[in-house]
Amino acid sequence: MSMVSEGIETKEQVKAMEEMGVEYIQGFYFSRPVPEDSFPEFLMKNNKGYKQ
């Protein structure tokens, strides 16, 4: 089962989630919310594996 951990705001929280084997982590630690129309540009700047 895949799991998403939300609300991550600190490096310590990221480390704890990784140690527990959580595959997907999101929260303000990585980014504030991004408007939908700005999202593709955000991905291109911040995700080396993203292809439009």
PDB file of N, CA and C in Angstrom:
ATOM      1  N   MET A   1       0.845  -1.165   0.000  1.00  0.00           N
ATOM      2  CA  MET A   1       0.000   0.000   0.000  1.00  0.00           C
ATOM      3  C   MET A   1       0.895   1.234   0.000  1.00  0.00           C
ATOM      4  N   SER A   2       0.597   2.185  -0.847  1.00  0.00           N
ATOM      5  CA  SER A   2       1.320   3.458  -0.861  1.00  0.00           C
ATOM      6  C   SER A   2       0.668   4.415   0.120  1.00  0.00           C
ATOM      7  N   MET A   3       1.481   5.286   0.683  1.00  0.00           N
ATOM      8  CA  MET A   3       0.985   6.218   1.685  1.00  0.00           C
ATOM      9  C   MET A   3       1.534   7.609   1.410  1.00  0.00           C
ATOM     10  N   VAL A   4       0.708   8.635   1.625  1.00  0.00           N
ATOM     11  CA  VAL A   4       1.130  10.028   1.504  1.00  0.00           C
ATOM     12  C   VAL A   4       1.083  10.646   2.887  1.00  0.00           C
ATOM     13  N   SER A   5       2.190  11.246   3.287  1.00  0.00           N
ATOM     14  CA  SER A   5       2.224  11.963   4.556  1.00  0.00           C
ATOM     15  C   SER A   5       2.108  13.454   4.245  1.00  0.00           C
ATOM     16  N   GLU A   6       1.112  14.096   4.830  1.00  0.00           N
ATOM     17  CA  GLU A   6       0.859  15.517   4.577  1.00  0.00           C
ATOM     18  C   GLU A   6       1.243  16.345   5.797  1.00  0.00           C
ATOM     19  N   GLY A   7       1.437  17.633   5.579  1.00  0.00           N
ATOM     20  CA  GLY A   7       1.678  18.551   6.680  1.00  0.00           C
ATOM     21  C   GLY A   7       3.120  18.568   7.164  1.00  0.00           C
ATOM     22  N   ILE A   8       4.041  18.115   6.338  1.00  0.00           N
ATOM     23  CA  ILE A   8       5.447  18.066   6.730  1.00  0.00           C
ATOM     24  C   ILE A   8       6.052  19.465   6.621  1.00  0.00           C
ATOM     25  N   GLU A   9       6.629  19.942   7.726  1.00  0.00           N
ATOM     26  CA  GLU A   9       7.159  21.311   7.765  1.00  0.00           C
ATOM     27  C   GLU A   9       8.625  21.406   8.178  1.00  0.00           C
ATOM     28  N   THR A  10       9.228  20.301   8.642  1.00  0.00           N
ATOM     29  CA  THR A  10      10.622  20.367   9.107  1.00  0.00           C
ATOM     30  C   THR A  10      11.441  19.212   8.535  1.00  0.00           C
ATOM     31  N   LYS A  11      12.756  19.406   8.519  1.00  0.00           N
ATOM     32  CA  LYS A  11      13.674  18.365   8.063  1.00  0.00           C
ATOM     33  C   LYS A  11      13.551  17.117   8.939  1.00  0.00           C
ATOM     34  N   GLU A  12      13.341  17.314  10.218  1.00  0.00           N
ATOM     35  CA  GLU A  12      13.190  16.195  11.145  1.00  0.00           C
ATOM     36  C   GLU A  12      11.957  15.360  10.813  1.00  0.00           C
ATOM     37  N   GLN A  13      10.872  16.017  10.431  1.00  0.00           N
ATOM     38  CA  GLN A  13       9.661  15.296  10.044  1.00  0.00           C
ATOM     39  C   GLN A  13       9.893  14.495   8.761  1.00  0.00           C
ATOM     40  N   VAL A  14      10.611  15.076   7.808  1.00  0.00           N
ATOM     41  CA  VAL A  14      10.935  14.357   6.572  1.00  0.00           C
ATOM     42  C   VAL A  14      11.724  13.098   6.909  1.00  0.00           C
ATOM     43  N   LYS A  15      12.747  13.253   7.735  1.00  0.00           N
ATOM     44  CA  LYS A  15      13.582  12.117   8.113  1.00  0.00           C
ATOM     45  C   LYS A  15      12.752  11.024   8.792  1.00  0.00           C
ATOM     46  N   ALA A  16      11.867  11.407   9.689  1.00  0.00           N
ATOM     47  CA  ALA A  16      11.025  10.427  10.393  1.00  0.00           C
ATOM     48  C   ALA A  16      10.133   9.677   9.407  1.00  0.00           C
ATOM     49  N   MET A  17       9.550  10.377   8.453  1.00  0.00           N
ATOM     50  CA  MET A  17       8.688   9.723   7.462  1.00  0.00           C
ATOM     51  C   MET A  17       9.497   8.759   6.602  1.00  0.00           C
ATOM     52  N   GLU A  18      10.691   9.183   6.182  1.00  0.00           N
ATOM     53  CA  GLU A  18      11.545   8.312   5.377  1.00  0.00           C
ATOM     54  C   GLU A  18      11.936   7.062   6.165  1.00  0.00           C
ATOM     55  N   GLU A  19      12.244   7.219   7.437  1.00  0.00           N
ATOM     56  CA  GLU A  19      12.613   6.080   8.281  1.00  0.00           C
ATOM     57  C   GLU A  19      11.458   5.098   8.460  1.00  0.00           C
ATOM     58  N   MET A  20      10.227   5.607   8.400  1.00  0.00           N
ATOM     59  CA  MET A  20       9.049   4.744   8.515  1.00  0.00           C
ATOM     60  C   MET A  20       8.638   4.137   7.177  1.00  0.00           C
ATOM     61  N   GLY A  21       9.352   4.499   6.119  1.00  0.00           N
ATOM     62  CA  GLY A  21       9.067   3.930   4.809  1.00  0.00           C
ATOM     63  C   GLY A  21       7.957   4.612   4.042  1.00  0.00           C
ATOM     64  N   VAL A  22       7.586   5.831   4.438  1.00  0.00           N
ATOM     65  CA  VAL A  22       6.546   6.567   3.721  1.00  0.00           C
ATOM     66  C   VAL A  22       7.121   6.989   2.366  1.00  0.00           C
ATOM     67  N   GLU A  23       6.419   6.627   1.284  1.00  0.00           N
ATOM     68  CA  GLU A  23       6.922   6.878  -0.068  1.00  0.00           C
ATOM     69  C   GLU A  23       6.703   8.307  -0.551  1.00  0.00           C
ATOM     70  N   TYR A  24       5.596   8.904  -0.167  1.00  0.00           N
ATOM     71  CA  TYR A  24       5.230  10.225  -0.684  1.00  0.00           C
ATOM     72  C   TYR A  24       5.050  11.179   0.477  1.00  0.00           C
ATOM     73  N   ILE A  25       5.734  12.316   0.398  1.00  0.00           N
ATOM     74  CA  ILE A  25       5.726  13.292   1.483  1.00  0.00           C
ATOM     75  C   ILE A  25       5.422  14.657   0.886  1.00  0.00           C
ATOM     76  N   GLN A  26       4.493  15.386   1.504  1.00  0.00           N
ATOM     77  CA  GLN A  26       4.200  16.731   1.026  1.00  0.00           C
ATOM     78  C   GLN A  26       3.993  17.659   2.202  1.00  0.00           C
ATOM     79  N   GLY A  27       4.214  18.933   1.937  1.00  0.00           N
ATOM     80  CA  GLY A  27       4.011  19.927   2.980  1.00  0.00           C
ATOM     81  C   GLY A  27       4.806  21.197   2.700  1.00  0.00           C
ATOM     82  N   PHE A  28       4.666  22.165   3.581  1.00  0.00           N
ATOM     83  CA  PHE A  28       5.329  23.453   3.420  1.00  0.00           C
ATOM     84  C   PHE A  28       6.849  23.334   3.434  1.00  0.00           C
ATOM     85  N   TYR A  29       7.384  22.230   3.963  1.00  0.00           N
ATOM     86  CA  TYR A  29       8.842  22.036   3.932  1.00  0.00           C
ATOM     87  C   TYR A  29       9.338  22.083   2.485  1.00  0.00           C
ATOM     88  N   PHE A  30       8.543  21.559   1.564  1.00  0.00           N
ATOM     89  CA  PHE A  30       8.925  21.498   0.160  1.00  0.00           C
ATOM     90  C   PHE A  30       8.436  22.703  -0.632  1.00  0.00           C
ATOM     91  N   SER A  31       7.225  23.170  -0.359  1.00  0.00           N
ATOM     92  CA  SER A  31       6.666  24.290  -1.121  1.00  0.00           C
ATOM     93  C   SER A  31       5.354  24.746  -0.494  1.00  0.00           C
ATOM     94  N   ARG A  32       5.100  26.017  -0.608  1.00  0.00           N
ATOM     95  CA  ARG A  32       3.774  26.552  -0.313  1.00  0.00           C
ATOM     96  C   ARG A  32       2.854  26.125  -1.453  1.00  0.00           C
ATOM     97  N   PRO A  33       1.536  26.214  -1.292  1.00  0.00           N
ATOM     98  CA  PRO A  33       0.625  25.879  -2.387  1.00  0.00           C
ATOM     99  C   PRO A  33       0.936  26.701  -3.646  1.00  0.00           C
ATOM    100  N   VAL A  34       0.797  26.067  -4.803  1.00  0.00           N
ATOM    101  CA  VAL A  34       1.095  26.694  -6.086  1.00  0.00           C
ATOM    102  C   VAL A  34      -0.192  26.759  -6.899  1.00  0.00           C
ATOM    103  N   PRO A  35      -0.519  27.920  -7.476  1.00  0.00           N
ATOM    104  CA  PRO A  35      -1.723  28.006  -8.309  1.00  0.00           C
ATOM    105  C   PRO A  35      -1.658  27.018  -9.488  1.00  0.00           C
ATOM    106  N   GLU A  36      -2.798  26.488  -9.859  1.00  0.00           N
ATOM    107  CA  GLU A  36      -2.863  25.470 -10.904  1.00  0.00           C
ATOM    108  C   GLU A  36      -2.170  25.909 -12.193  1.00  0.00           C
ATOM    109  N   ASP A  37      -2.394  27.148 -12.620  1.00  0.00           N
ATOM    110  CA  ASP A  37      -1.806  27.592 -13.886  1.00  0.00           C
ATOM    111  C   ASP A  37      -0.288  27.779 -13.800  1.00  0.00           C
ATOM    112  N   SER A  38       0.267  27.863 -12.609  1.00  0.00           N
ATOM    113  CA  SER A  38       1.712  27.996 -12.426  1.00  0.00           C
ATOM    114  C   SER A  38       2.398  26.657 -12.163  1.00  0.00           C
ATOM    115  N   PHE A  39       1.616  25.599 -11.985  1.00  0.00           N
ATOM    116  CA  PHE A  39       2.177  24.313 -11.580  1.00  0.00           C
ATOM    117  C   PHE A  39       3.151  23.696 -12.592  1.00  0.00           C
ATOM    118  N   PRO A  40       2.830  23.677 -13.908  1.00  0.00           N
ATOM    119  CA  PRO A  40       3.802  23.102 -14.854  1.00  0.00           C
ATOM    120  C   PRO A  40       5.165  23.814 -14.798  1.00  0.00           C
ATOM    121  N   GLU A  41       5.156  25.139 -14.717  1.00  0.00           N
ATOM    122  CA  GLU A  41       6.413  25.889 -14.618  1.00  0.00           C
ATOM    123  C   GLU A  41       7.149  25.546 -13.318  1.00  0.00           C
ATOM    124  N   PHE A  42       6.402  25.431 -12.225  1.00  0.00           N
ATOM    125  CA  PHE A  42       6.990  25.054 -10.938  1.00  0.00           C
ATOM    126  C   PHE A  42       7.681  23.697 -11.047  1.00  0.00           C
ATOM    127  N   LEU A  43       7.014  22.723 -11.673  1.00  0.00           N
ATOM    128  CA  LEU A  43       7.605  21.395 -11.832  1.00  0.00           C
ATOM    129  C   LEU A  43       8.870  21.435 -12.679  1.00  0.00           C
ATOM    130  N   MET A  44       8.837  22.172 -13.769  1.00  0.00           N
ATOM    131  CA  MET A  44      10.015  22.244 -14.634  1.00  0.00           C
ATOM    132  C   MET A  44      11.218  22.830 -13.903  1.00  0.00           C
ATOM    133  N   LYS A  45      10.985  23.774 -13.027  1.00  0.00           N
ATOM    134  CA  LYS A  45      12.069  24.403 -12.275  1.00  0.00           C
ATOM    135  C   LYS A  45      12.563  23.532 -11.131  1.00  0.00           C
ATOM    136  N   ASN A  46      11.679  22.700 -10.554  1.00  0.00           N
ATOM    137  CA  ASN A  46      11.993  22.013  -9.309  1.00  0.00           C
ATOM    138  C   ASN A  46      12.051  20.491  -9.373  1.00  0.00           C
ATOM    139  N   ASN A  47      11.769  19.905 -10.518  1.00  0.00           N
ATOM    140  CA  ASN A  47      11.732  18.444 -10.627  1.00  0.00           C
ATOM    141  C   ASN A  47      12.473  18.027 -11.881  1.00  0.00           C
ATOM    142  N   LYS A  48      13.675  17.548 -11.725  1.00  0.00           N
ATOM    143  CA  LYS A  48      14.507  17.193 -12.868  1.00  0.00           C
ATOM    144  C   LYS A  48      13.889  16.116 -13.752  1.00  0.00           C
ATOM    145  N   GLY A  49      13.021  15.270 -13.196  1.00  0.00           N
ATOM    146  CA  GLY A  49      12.427  14.185 -13.961  1.00  0.00           C
ATOM    147  C   GLY A  49      11.139  14.553 -14.665  1.00  0.00           C
ATOM    148  N   TYR A  50      10.661  15.790 -14.490  1.00  0.00           N
ATOM    149  CA  TYR A  50       9.376  16.190 -15.079  1.00  0.00           C
ATOM    150  C   TYR A  50       9.528  16.462 -16.570  1.00  0.00           C
ATOM    151  N   LYS A  51       8.597  15.928 -17.365  1.00  0.00           N
ATOM    152  CA  LYS A  51       8.555  16.209 -18.800  1.00  0.00           C
ATOM    153  C   LYS A  51       7.144  16.620 -19.146  1.00  0.00           C
ATOM    154  N   GLN A  52       6.996  17.745 -19.804  1.00  0.00           N
ATOM    155  CA  GLN A  52       5.670  18.259 -20.149  1.00  0.00           C
ATOM    156  C   GLN A  52       5.173  17.612 -21.407  1.00  0.00           C
TER     157      GLN A  52
END
